[in-house]
Amino acid sequence: MAGRKGIGRRALLLSTLLFATLPGRALAQAAPPPPARPDIVIFIADDLGYLDVAPNGSADARTPNLSRLASEGIGFDRAFVASPSCAPSRAALLTGLMPARNTAEANHARPDPALRKLPSYLQSLGYQVVAFGKVAHYEQTATYGFDHSARDTFHDDGAVPEAIRWLKARRDPRPLALFVGSNWPHVPWPQSGDGIDPATLTLPARSVDTPATRGARASYHAAIARMDQELGDVVAATDAVLGQDSVVLFTGDNGAQWPFGKWNLYDAGTRTPLFVRWRGVTPAGTRTQAMVSWVDILPTLVDVAGGPAPEGLDGQSFAAALRPGGSFAGREAIFTTHNNDGDINVYPARAVRTGRWKYIANLEPGHVFTTHTDQYAPLGGDAYFTSWREAAQHDPAAQAIVDAYFRRPAEELYDLESDAEETRNLAADPAHAGTVRRLRRMLADWRREQGDNRPVAGRPHLDDSPVPPGQGATP
């Protein structure tokens, strides 16, 4: 027995000595691998609706680069922003909190400086976190804590080329989280239309079909094509410098600046494209109907980066949807909010959306709904909206559209299964009184939990007369 123990000890010694002489790679394989820290690239479009890109069904969009990205990853068919204007939408993404909790409720507002922001979460995991272009809503380094931020000024078309130059020159060994914000297709749109034939375009629901409207829509699609080219350049640089196994996330901050889009709680204002490519992890060419919110992006990126789930946020990770075999049901309901955009648009509203129903509470139905589109010619589309006003003088159908834009009831209810374009308000229909009560209570309970009770700033419009040129708020 003693001999066997001696043999055992000698064998153990020999095996230990042999292991100690193996190359470093074998030693590393024997140890538990460190948590994966993939490079992450987030590309944010400005004012881009869900239905306005080719992979989501648009026959008019020129988005070959986005279509390629979509074919290589997963598309979220029901992704929604927290608020349908730039500043509160982006503040929600970068804090993981809804507007009432992060305090950036009006457009151009900033979140509470004491709140932890997305860069901090990623930096704690060893990431370098950098932003180029419009990622937040300006002053991104000071307000949000990026390691580096550049060209975060309005419609600065040099942002994307500078991001690519910076990436190619980078020598930092840390994993990278690179945020790139395009200002396309935010107005002002290219006036030429870039060769797009206005006569062939499909107009959004509740549009007044005039030559000016079609010309504006062609310009919008020209702006989308420019955004798509920028996306293609960023993805190509990502693959060349960081490798094709980097995580690439594409999304948009709110819907198009169109009368029932941006600044509205209809899906045209709050539903945006969301695609994620993660080669080697996410199966290519997949789609999901799971509902997600922009507040979910922060915990998702932390999850992808190998970090623990942040506590106390409104957001929840959807990383399970990116991983093969992962079970992810998404949210049962999406809540969205809007307050105002300076004095141009003062129309506070709240909404809850389930898989089938959309309920909107217009908190000040005595106000007239106005936006840059009808009020502020230098940045709007006043030229085409003026053609709507003119058509309404002799066309009852145009008059109904213009009236629905300016004047809204206290409550709206839409059956999204039969009325995806949200054109038939069922709130006053006795057959749906129970649904209205249920959703009204759900929204009220959520607002109470959020502390959503602060007064709305701004001087409301009580008529629909346009602001004279040269007056009004900035974008």
Protein backbone atom coordinates (compact mmCIF):
# COMPACT_ATOMS: atom_id res chain seq x y z
CA MET A 1 0.00 0.00 0.00
CA ALA A 2 2.85 2.34 0.92
CA GLY A 3 4.45 1.69 -2.51
CA ARG A 4 1.28 2.69 -4.28
CA LYS A 5 1.15 5.94 -2.32
CA GLY A 6 4.78 6.66 -3.29
CA ILE A 7 4.02 6.00 -6.94
CA GLY A 8 1.02 8.27 -6.68
CA ARG A 9 3.10 11.08 -5.17
CA ARG A 10 5.79 10.71 -7.88
CA ALA A 11 3.15 10.74 -10.60
CA LEU A 12 1.60 13.87 -9.12
CA LEU A 13 5.04 15.54 -8.95
CA LEU A 14 5.84 14.63 -12.54
CA SER A 15 2.51 15.86 -13.79
CA THR A 16 2.95 19.12 -11.86
CA LEU A 17 6.43 19.65 -13.33
CA LEU A 18 5.18 18.82 -16.83
CA PHE A 19 2.27 21.28 -16.50
CA ALA A 20 4.61 23.99 -15.28
CA THR A 21 6.73 23.66 -18.44
CA LEU A 22 3.81 23.93 -20.89
CA PRO A 23 3.50 27.13 -22.97
CA GLY A 24 1.55 30.06 -21.53
CA ARG A 25 -1.38 29.33 -23.84
CA ALA A 26 -1.96 25.95 -22.15
CA LEU A 27 -1.84 27.61 -18.74
CA ALA A 28 -4.39 30.18 -19.86
CA GLN A 29 -6.68 27.47 -21.17
CA ALA A 30 -6.53 25.67 -17.84
CA ALA A 31 -7.67 28.79 -15.96
CA PRO A 32 -11.26 30.08 -16.17
CA PRO A 33 -11.50 32.50 -19.09
CA PRO A 34 -12.10 36.16 -18.19
CA PRO A 35 -15.56 37.62 -18.93
CA ALA A 36 -15.92 38.57 -22.58
CA ARG A 37 -15.60 42.27 -23.30
CA PRO A 38 -16.57 42.69 -26.95
CA ASP A 39 -16.01 45.99 -28.68
CA ILE A 40 -19.35 47.77 -29.06
CA VAL A 41 -20.40 50.29 -31.72
CA ILE A 42 -23.71 52.14 -31.35
CA PHE A 43 -24.97 54.12 -34.37
CA ILE A 44 -27.88 56.50 -33.72
CA ALA A 45 -29.92 58.05 -36.52
CA ASP A 46 -31.81 61.30 -35.92
CA ASP A 47 -35.57 61.42 -36.61
CA LEU A 48 -35.98 58.04 -38.33
CA GLY A 49 -39.24 56.11 -38.14
CA TYR A 50 -39.57 52.34 -37.99
CA LEU A 51 -41.35 52.10 -41.35
CA ASP A 52 -38.90 54.36 -43.16
CA VAL A 53 -36.13 51.82 -43.83
CA ALA A 54 -35.98 48.97 -46.33
CA PRO A 55 -35.51 46.06 -43.89
CA ASN A 56 -38.75 47.10 -42.17
CA GLY A 57 -40.71 47.09 -45.39
CA SER A 58 -40.24 50.51 -46.99
CA ALA A 59 -40.20 50.28 -50.77
CA ASP A 60 -39.01 53.89 -51.00
CA ALA A 61 -35.99 53.83 -48.69
CA ARG A 62 -32.46 53.64 -50.07
CA THR A 63 -30.84 51.80 -47.16
CA PRO A 64 -28.65 48.99 -48.58
CA ASN A 65 -26.15 49.20 -45.71
CA LEU A 66 -28.84 48.92 -43.07
CA SER A 67 -30.41 46.03 -44.98
CA ARG A 68 -27.04 44.25 -44.96
CA LEU A 69 -26.64 44.85 -41.23
CA ALA A 70 -30.16 43.57 -40.60
CA SER A 71 -29.44 40.39 -42.59
CA GLU A 72 -26.43 39.74 -40.37
CA GLY A 73 -28.17 40.13 -37.01
CA ILE A 74 -31.51 40.53 -35.29
CA GLY A 75 -34.23 43.08 -35.91
CA PHE A 76 -36.65 44.26 -33.21
CA ASP A 77 -40.04 44.91 -34.77
CA ARG A 78 -41.49 46.54 -31.67
CA ALA A 79 -38.81 48.84 -30.27
CA PHE A 80 -39.93 52.18 -28.82
CA VAL A 81 -38.27 55.31 -27.53
CA ALA A 82 -39.24 56.76 -24.15
CA SER A 83 -40.18 60.16 -25.59
CA PRO A 84 -40.54 61.31 -29.22
CA SER A 85 -38.06 64.18 -29.30
CA CYS A 86 -34.28 64.28 -29.25
CA ALA A 87 -33.16 65.32 -25.76
CA PRO A 88 -35.55 63.31 -23.56
CA SER A 89 -35.22 60.28 -25.82
CA ARG A 90 -31.42 60.25 -25.61
CA ALA A 91 -31.41 61.04 -21.89
CA ALA A 92 -33.55 57.95 -21.33
CA LEU A 93 -31.13 55.79 -23.30
CA LEU A 94 -28.09 57.11 -21.43
CA THR A 95 -29.63 56.86 -17.94
CA GLY A 96 -31.89 53.81 -18.25
CA LEU A 97 -34.63 55.91 -16.63
CA MET A 98 -37.85 57.36 -18.00
CA PRO A 99 -38.08 61.16 -18.38
CA ALA A 100 -39.90 61.88 -15.11
CA ARG A 101 -37.20 60.01 -13.17
CA ASN A 102 -34.17 61.39 -15.02
CA THR A 103 -35.78 64.92 -15.15
CA ALA A 104 -35.09 65.50 -18.89
CA GLU A 105 -38.75 65.81 -19.84
CA ALA A 106 -38.80 68.72 -22.28
CA ASN A 107 -36.80 68.82 -25.47
CA HIS A 108 -33.38 70.44 -24.86
CA ALA A 109 -33.56 69.46 -21.17
CA ARG A 110 -30.68 67.61 -19.49
CA PRO A 111 -30.93 64.77 -16.98
CA ASP A 112 -30.13 65.12 -13.29
CA PRO A 113 -26.32 65.53 -13.02
CA ALA A 114 -26.26 63.23 -9.98
CA LEU A 115 -27.55 60.26 -11.94
CA ARG A 116 -25.15 57.60 -13.13
CA LYS A 117 -24.92 57.49 -16.93
CA LEU A 118 -24.15 54.69 -19.40
CA PRO A 119 -20.48 55.68 -19.94
CA SER A 120 -19.82 55.21 -16.22
CA TYR A 121 -21.24 51.68 -16.23
CA LEU A 122 -19.06 50.67 -19.18
CA GLN A 123 -15.97 52.45 -17.86
CA SER A 124 -16.27 50.46 -14.63
CA LEU A 125 -15.99 47.32 -16.79
CA GLY A 126 -12.75 48.53 -18.36
CA TYR A 127 -14.14 50.17 -21.50
CA GLN A 128 -13.03 53.31 -23.23
CA VAL A 129 -16.29 55.12 -24.06
CA VAL A 130 -16.24 57.67 -26.87
CA ALA A 131 -18.87 59.68 -28.75
CA PHE A 132 -18.79 61.39 -32.14
CA GLY A 133 -21.65 63.45 -33.50
CA LYS A 134 -25.07 63.83 -31.90
CA VAL A 135 -25.24 61.02 -29.37
CA ALA A 136 -26.66 62.83 -26.38
CA HIS A 137 -28.08 66.28 -26.98
CA TYR A 138 -24.83 68.23 -26.96
CA GLU A 139 -22.40 68.87 -24.09
CA GLN A 140 -21.93 65.11 -23.96
CA THR A 141 -18.61 64.89 -22.18
CA ALA A 142 -19.54 67.23 -19.33
CA THR A 143 -23.13 66.03 -18.97
CA TYR A 144 -22.74 62.33 -19.64
CA GLY A 145 -19.10 61.54 -18.83
CA PHE A 146 -17.77 60.15 -22.11
CA ASP A 147 -14.00 59.65 -22.17
CA HIS A 148 -13.91 61.65 -25.38
CA SER A 149 -16.53 63.47 -27.41
CA ALA A 150 -16.19 65.36 -30.67
CA ARG A 151 -18.27 67.36 -33.15
CA ASP A 152 -21.46 67.19 -31.13
CA THR A 153 -22.91 70.22 -32.90
CA PHE A 154 -26.04 70.50 -34.99
CA HIS A 155 -25.85 68.97 -38.47
CA ASP A 156 -22.09 68.62 -38.49
CA ASP A 157 -21.49 66.24 -41.39
CA GLY A 158 -17.83 65.92 -40.41
CA ALA A 159 -18.66 63.84 -37.35
CA VAL A 160 -18.68 60.44 -39.05
CA PRO A 161 -15.44 60.91 -41.04
CA GLU A 162 -13.75 62.16 -37.88
CA ALA A 163 -14.97 59.14 -35.93
CA ILE A 164 -13.49 56.84 -38.57
CA ARG A 165 -10.16 58.69 -38.62
CA TRP A 166 -10.01 58.52 -34.82
CA LEU A 167 -10.82 54.81 -34.81
CA LYS A 168 -8.12 53.99 -37.36
CA ALA A 169 -5.52 55.93 -35.34
CA ARG A 170 -6.54 54.49 -31.97
CA ARG A 171 -3.96 52.46 -30.03
CA ASP A 172 -5.73 52.10 -26.67
CA PRO A 173 -5.70 48.45 -25.50
CA ARG A 174 -9.02 48.71 -23.66
CA PRO A 175 -12.24 47.35 -25.17
CA LEU A 176 -14.08 50.15 -26.93
CA ALA A 177 -17.63 51.42 -26.76
CA LEU A 178 -17.94 53.83 -29.69
CA PHE A 179 -21.11 55.89 -30.09
CA VAL A 180 -21.66 57.58 -33.45
CA GLY A 181 -24.58 59.96 -33.91
CA SER A 182 -25.71 61.02 -37.37
CA ASN A 183 -27.86 64.15 -37.72
CA TRP A 184 -29.57 62.60 -40.76
CA PRO A 185 -32.47 62.46 -41.47
CA HIS A 186 -33.14 65.44 -39.16
CA VAL A 187 -34.22 68.61 -40.97
CA PRO A 188 -33.16 70.59 -42.91
CA TRP A 189 -33.37 67.91 -45.57
CA PRO A 190 -31.46 68.00 -48.89
CA GLN A 191 -33.46 70.21 -51.21
CA SER A 192 -32.50 68.34 -54.37
CA GLY A 193 -34.11 65.05 -53.38
CA ASP A 194 -30.99 63.31 -54.74
CA GLY A 195 -32.82 62.02 -57.80
CA ILE A 196 -35.74 60.45 -55.92
CA ASP A 197 -38.98 60.73 -57.93
CA PRO A 198 -41.65 62.26 -55.65
CA ALA A 199 -44.46 60.81 -57.75
CA THR A 200 -43.46 57.23 -56.89
CA LEU A 201 -43.41 57.63 -53.10
CA THR A 202 -45.92 56.23 -50.63
CA LEU A 203 -47.02 58.94 -48.20
CA PRO A 204 -47.60 58.20 -44.51
CA ALA A 205 -51.15 57.83 -43.25
CA ARG A 206 -52.98 61.11 -42.68
CA SER A 207 -50.90 63.05 -45.18
CA VAL A 208 -52.42 65.62 -47.55
CA ASP A 209 -51.22 64.66 -51.01
CA THR A 210 -49.87 67.80 -52.67
CA PRO A 211 -46.82 68.36 -54.89
CA ALA A 212 -45.11 70.16 -51.99
CA THR A 213 -45.79 67.19 -49.71
CA ARG A 214 -44.27 64.77 -52.19
CA GLY A 215 -41.26 67.01 -52.70
CA ALA A 216 -40.69 67.11 -48.94
CA ARG A 217 -41.00 63.36 -48.69
CA ALA A 218 -38.41 62.90 -51.45
CA SER A 219 -36.05 65.17 -49.51
CA TYR A 220 -36.64 63.12 -46.36
CA HIS A 221 -35.70 59.92 -48.18
CA ALA A 222 -32.62 61.63 -49.60
CA ALA A 223 -31.60 62.41 -46.02
CA ILE A 224 -32.16 58.76 -45.05
CA ALA A 225 -29.90 57.67 -47.90
CA ARG A 226 -27.14 59.93 -46.57
CA MET A 227 -27.53 58.40 -43.11
CA ASP A 228 -27.28 54.93 -44.62
CA GLN A 229 -24.02 55.81 -46.35
CA GLU A 230 -22.61 57.03 -43.04
CA LEU A 231 -23.69 53.77 -41.42
CA GLY A 232 -21.95 51.77 -44.14
CA ASP A 233 -18.73 53.73 -43.60
CA VAL A 234 -18.84 53.16 -39.84
CA VAL A 235 -19.54 49.42 -40.13
CA ALA A 236 -16.74 48.99 -42.69
CA ALA A 237 -14.28 50.76 -40.38
CA THR A 238 -15.51 48.72 -37.43
CA ASP A 239 -14.92 45.44 -39.24
CA ALA A 240 -11.48 46.53 -40.46
CA VAL A 241 -10.20 47.91 -37.16
CA LEU A 242 -12.10 46.17 -34.38
CA GLY A 243 -13.01 42.93 -36.14
CA GLN A 244 -16.23 41.46 -37.42
CA ASP A 245 -17.14 39.97 -34.04
CA SER A 246 -17.80 43.44 -32.59
CA VAL A 247 -21.31 44.21 -31.41
CA VAL A 248 -23.00 46.75 -33.70
CA LEU A 249 -26.30 48.30 -32.59
CA PHE A 250 -28.29 50.58 -34.90
CA THR A 251 -31.33 52.59 -33.85
CA GLY A 252 -33.12 55.95 -34.18
CA ASP A 253 -34.11 58.45 -31.48
CA ASN A 254 -37.72 59.12 -32.61
CA GLY A 255 -39.88 59.11 -35.69
CA ALA A 256 -39.71 61.41 -38.69
CA GLN A 257 -40.46 65.11 -38.41
CA TRP A 258 -43.83 64.70 -40.04
CA PRO A 259 -47.21 65.97 -38.79
CA PHE A 260 -48.15 62.80 -36.86
CA GLY A 261 -44.58 61.58 -36.26
CA LYS A 262 -41.98 63.30 -34.07
CA TRP A 263 -43.44 64.97 -30.94
CA ASN A 264 -46.42 62.57 -31.11
CA LEU A 265 -47.14 59.44 -29.07
CA TYR A 266 -48.45 57.59 -32.11
CA ASP A 267 -46.21 54.74 -33.27
CA ALA A 268 -45.00 57.01 -36.09
CA GLY A 269 -43.35 59.11 -33.38
CA THR A 270 -42.21 56.51 -30.87
CA ARG A 271 -41.50 53.29 -32.81
CA THR A 272 -38.03 53.22 -34.30
CA PRO A 273 -35.70 50.77 -36.05
CA LEU A 274 -33.47 48.63 -33.82
CA PHE A 275 -30.97 46.11 -35.21
CA VAL A 276 -28.11 44.33 -33.48
CA ARG A 277 -25.31 42.38 -35.16
CA TRP A 278 -23.14 40.17 -32.97
CA ARG A 279 -21.42 37.63 -35.18
CA GLY A 280 -20.74 34.31 -33.51
CA VAL A 281 -23.49 34.94 -30.97
CA THR A 282 -26.68 36.32 -32.54
CA PRO A 283 -28.16 34.20 -35.34
CA ALA A 284 -28.18 36.13 -38.62
CA GLY A 285 -31.37 37.36 -40.24
CA THR A 286 -33.65 36.89 -37.25
CA ARG A 287 -36.56 39.04 -36.09
CA THR A 288 -38.39 39.36 -32.79
CA GLN A 289 -41.81 40.72 -31.89
CA ALA A 290 -40.77 41.24 -28.26
CA MET A 291 -41.49 44.79 -27.14
CA VAL A 292 -38.49 46.75 -25.88
CA SER A 293 -37.87 50.33 -24.83
CA TRP A 294 -34.89 52.62 -25.27
CA VAL A 295 -34.39 52.54 -21.49
CA ASP A 296 -33.53 48.87 -22.01
CA ILE A 297 -30.43 49.65 -24.07
CA LEU A 298 -28.28 50.64 -21.08
CA PRO A 299 -28.75 47.40 -19.11
CA THR A 300 -28.45 45.40 -22.34
CA LEU A 301 -25.04 46.87 -23.16
CA VAL A 302 -23.88 46.31 -19.58
CA ASP A 303 -25.05 42.70 -19.87
CA VAL A 304 -23.26 42.24 -23.22
CA ALA A 305 -20.11 43.71 -21.66
CA GLY A 306 -20.21 41.11 -18.89
CA GLY A 307 -21.34 43.40 -16.09
CA PRO A 308 -23.92 42.83 -13.36
CA ALA A 309 -27.48 44.03 -13.86
CA PRO A 310 -27.74 47.69 -12.74
CA GLU A 311 -30.18 48.27 -9.90
CA GLY A 312 -32.96 50.83 -9.67
CA LEU A 313 -33.44 51.44 -13.39
CA ASP A 314 -36.60 51.43 -15.49
CA GLY A 315 -34.69 49.51 -18.17
CA GLN A 316 -34.26 45.75 -18.36
CA SER A 317 -31.74 43.83 -20.45
CA PHE A 318 -32.83 42.26 -23.73
CA ALA A 319 -29.45 40.54 -24.19
CA ALA A 320 -31.20 37.17 -23.96
CA ALA A 321 -32.75 37.96 -27.34
CA LEU A 322 -29.26 38.29 -28.80
CA ARG A 323 -28.00 34.94 -27.57
CA PRO A 324 -28.97 31.68 -29.29
CA GLY A 325 -31.56 29.70 -27.39
CA GLY A 326 -32.23 32.60 -25.06
CA SER A 327 -35.79 33.00 -23.83
CA PHE A 328 -36.97 36.59 -24.09
CA ALA A 329 -40.61 37.62 -24.00
CA GLY A 330 -40.11 41.38 -23.85
CA ARG A 331 -42.35 43.87 -22.12
CA GLU A 332 -46.08 43.46 -21.65
CA ALA A 333 -46.57 47.21 -22.02
CA ILE A 334 -44.65 50.22 -23.29
CA PHE A 335 -45.06 53.63 -21.68
CA THR A 336 -44.17 56.84 -23.51
CA THR A 337 -44.28 60.50 -22.50
CA HIS A 338 -44.07 63.91 -24.12
CA ASN A 339 -44.12 67.38 -22.57
CA ASN A 340 -42.96 70.20 -24.83
CA ASP A 341 -40.35 71.59 -27.18
CA GLY A 342 -39.84 75.17 -26.05
CA ASP A 343 -42.87 77.29 -26.87
CA ILE A 344 -43.24 75.80 -30.33
CA ASN A 345 -44.82 72.61 -29.06
CA VAL A 346 -46.52 72.61 -25.63
CA TYR A 347 -48.75 69.56 -25.63
CA PRO A 348 -48.15 67.17 -22.71
CA ALA A 349 -49.35 63.63 -23.30
CA ARG A 350 -48.82 60.13 -21.90
CA ALA A 351 -49.44 56.76 -23.52
CA VAL A 352 -49.47 53.06 -22.75
CA ARG A 353 -49.15 50.50 -25.53
CA THR A 354 -49.78 46.79 -25.27
CA GLY A 355 -49.48 44.25 -28.04
CA ARG A 356 -52.93 45.18 -29.27
CA TRP A 357 -53.99 48.50 -27.78
CA LYS A 358 -52.70 52.09 -27.63
CA TYR A 359 -54.19 54.50 -25.08
CA ILE A 360 -53.15 58.17 -25.16
CA ALA A 361 -54.03 60.70 -22.47
CA ASN A 362 -53.72 64.26 -23.78
CA LEU A 363 -53.25 66.15 -20.53
CA GLU A 364 -54.16 69.59 -21.90
CA PRO A 365 -56.72 69.01 -24.67
CA GLY A 366 -57.58 72.70 -24.64
CA HIS A 367 -54.17 73.45 -26.12
CA VAL A 368 -53.67 73.44 -29.88
CA PHE A 369 -51.07 70.90 -31.02
CA THR A 370 -48.30 72.67 -32.92
CA THR A 371 -44.72 71.75 -33.87
CA HIS A 372 -41.83 73.00 -35.98
CA THR A 373 -43.57 71.39 -38.95
CA ASP A 374 -46.38 73.94 -39.03
CA GLN A 375 -44.87 76.78 -37.00
CA TYR A 376 -41.22 77.36 -37.75
CA ALA A 377 -40.41 77.71 -41.43
CA PRO A 378 -36.57 77.69 -41.28
CA LEU A 379 -36.49 74.21 -39.75
CA GLY A 380 -39.83 72.73 -40.48
CA GLY A 381 -41.64 71.86 -43.59
CA ASP A 382 -43.78 74.93 -43.43
CA ALA A 383 -43.73 75.08 -47.21
CA TYR A 384 -45.49 71.76 -47.53
CA PHE A 385 -47.71 72.25 -44.49
CA THR A 386 -48.86 75.54 -45.98
CA SER A 387 -50.10 73.47 -48.92
CA TRP A 388 -52.12 71.41 -46.41
CA ARG A 389 -53.72 74.55 -45.02
CA GLU A 390 -54.57 75.68 -48.53
CA ALA A 391 -56.01 72.29 -49.53
CA ALA A 392 -58.15 72.24 -46.38
CA GLN A 393 -59.98 75.35 -47.58
CA HIS A 394 -61.72 73.39 -50.34
CA ASP A 395 -61.12 69.68 -49.61
CA PRO A 396 -63.08 68.16 -46.68
CA ALA A 397 -60.67 65.21 -46.43
CA ALA A 398 -57.70 67.57 -46.12
CA GLN A 399 -59.64 69.65 -43.59
CA ALA A 400 -60.24 66.54 -41.46
CA ILE A 401 -56.50 65.73 -41.45
CA VAL A 402 -55.51 69.28 -40.52
CA ASP A 403 -58.15 69.40 -37.77
CA ALA A 404 -56.96 66.04 -36.36
CA TYR A 405 -53.43 67.41 -36.27
CA PHE A 406 -54.20 70.64 -34.43
CA ARG A 407 -57.04 69.58 -32.12
CA ARG A 408 -57.17 66.36 -30.13
CA PRO A 409 -59.51 64.90 -27.53
CA ALA A 410 -58.56 64.17 -23.92
CA GLU A 411 -58.37 60.43 -24.61
CA GLU A 412 -57.48 58.31 -27.63
CA LEU A 413 -57.74 54.54 -28.04
CA TYR A 414 -56.54 52.52 -31.03
CA ASP A 415 -56.86 48.85 -31.87
CA LEU A 416 -53.44 48.24 -33.39
CA GLU A 417 -54.41 44.87 -34.82
CA SER A 418 -57.05 46.38 -37.09
CA ASP A 419 -55.78 49.97 -37.25
CA ALA A 420 -51.99 49.96 -37.21
CA GLU A 421 -51.87 53.52 -38.52
CA GLU A 422 -53.94 54.82 -35.57
CA THR A 423 -56.55 56.69 -37.56
CA ARG A 424 -59.78 55.51 -35.82
CA ASN A 425 -60.11 56.74 -32.25
CA LEU A 426 -62.27 54.27 -30.26
CA ALA A 427 -62.08 56.01 -26.89
CA ALA A 428 -65.69 57.20 -27.00
CA ASP A 429 -67.06 53.86 -28.28
CA PRO A 430 -69.14 52.21 -25.50
CA ALA A 431 -68.02 48.80 -26.77
CA HIS A 432 -64.47 49.62 -25.63
CA ALA A 433 -65.26 51.38 -22.36
CA GLY A 434 -63.75 48.54 -20.34
CA THR A 435 -60.49 48.68 -22.29
CA VAL A 436 -60.31 52.45 -21.78
CA ARG A 437 -60.84 52.09 -18.03
CA ARG A 438 -58.19 49.36 -17.74
CA LEU A 439 -55.55 51.25 -19.70
CA ARG A 440 -56.39 54.58 -18.05
CA ARG A 441 -55.84 52.95 -14.64
CA MET A 442 -52.63 51.25 -15.81
CA LEU A 443 -51.25 54.58 -17.04
CA ALA A 444 -52.29 56.42 -13.86
CA ASP A 445 -50.64 53.78 -11.65
CA TRP A 446 -47.44 53.98 -13.69
CA ARG A 447 -47.35 57.77 -13.51
CA ARG A 448 -47.76 57.62 -9.75
CA GLU A 449 -44.86 55.16 -9.45
CA GLN A 450 -42.73 57.40 -11.66
CA GLY A 451 -43.50 60.57 -9.76
CA ASP A 452 -44.72 61.99 -13.04
CA ASN A 453 -46.45 65.06 -11.67
CA ARG A 454 -44.29 68.10 -12.44
CA PRO A 455 -45.83 71.07 -14.24
CA VAL A 456 -45.03 71.51 -17.93
CA ALA A 457 -43.08 74.58 -18.96
CA GLY A 458 -43.77 76.68 -22.02
CA ARG A 459 -46.50 78.96 -23.33
CA PRO A 460 -49.20 76.86 -25.00
CA HIS A 461 -50.71 77.68 -28.34
CA LEU A 462 -54.42 78.40 -28.23
CA ASP A 463 -54.80 78.80 -31.99
CA ASP A 464 -53.05 77.35 -35.03
CA SER A 465 -51.62 80.50 -36.57
CA PRO A 466 -47.97 80.07 -37.65
CA VAL A 467 -45.06 81.81 -35.95
CA PRO A 468 -43.60 84.51 -38.22
CA PRO A 469 -40.32 83.55 -39.96
CA GLY A 470 -37.26 84.16 -37.80
CA GLN A 471 -39.10 83.60 -34.51
CA GLY A 472 -39.44 80.49 -32.39
CA ALA A 473 -37.24 77.80 -30.89
CA THR A 474 -34.21 76.07 -32.32
CA PRO A 475 -34.11 72.35 -33.23
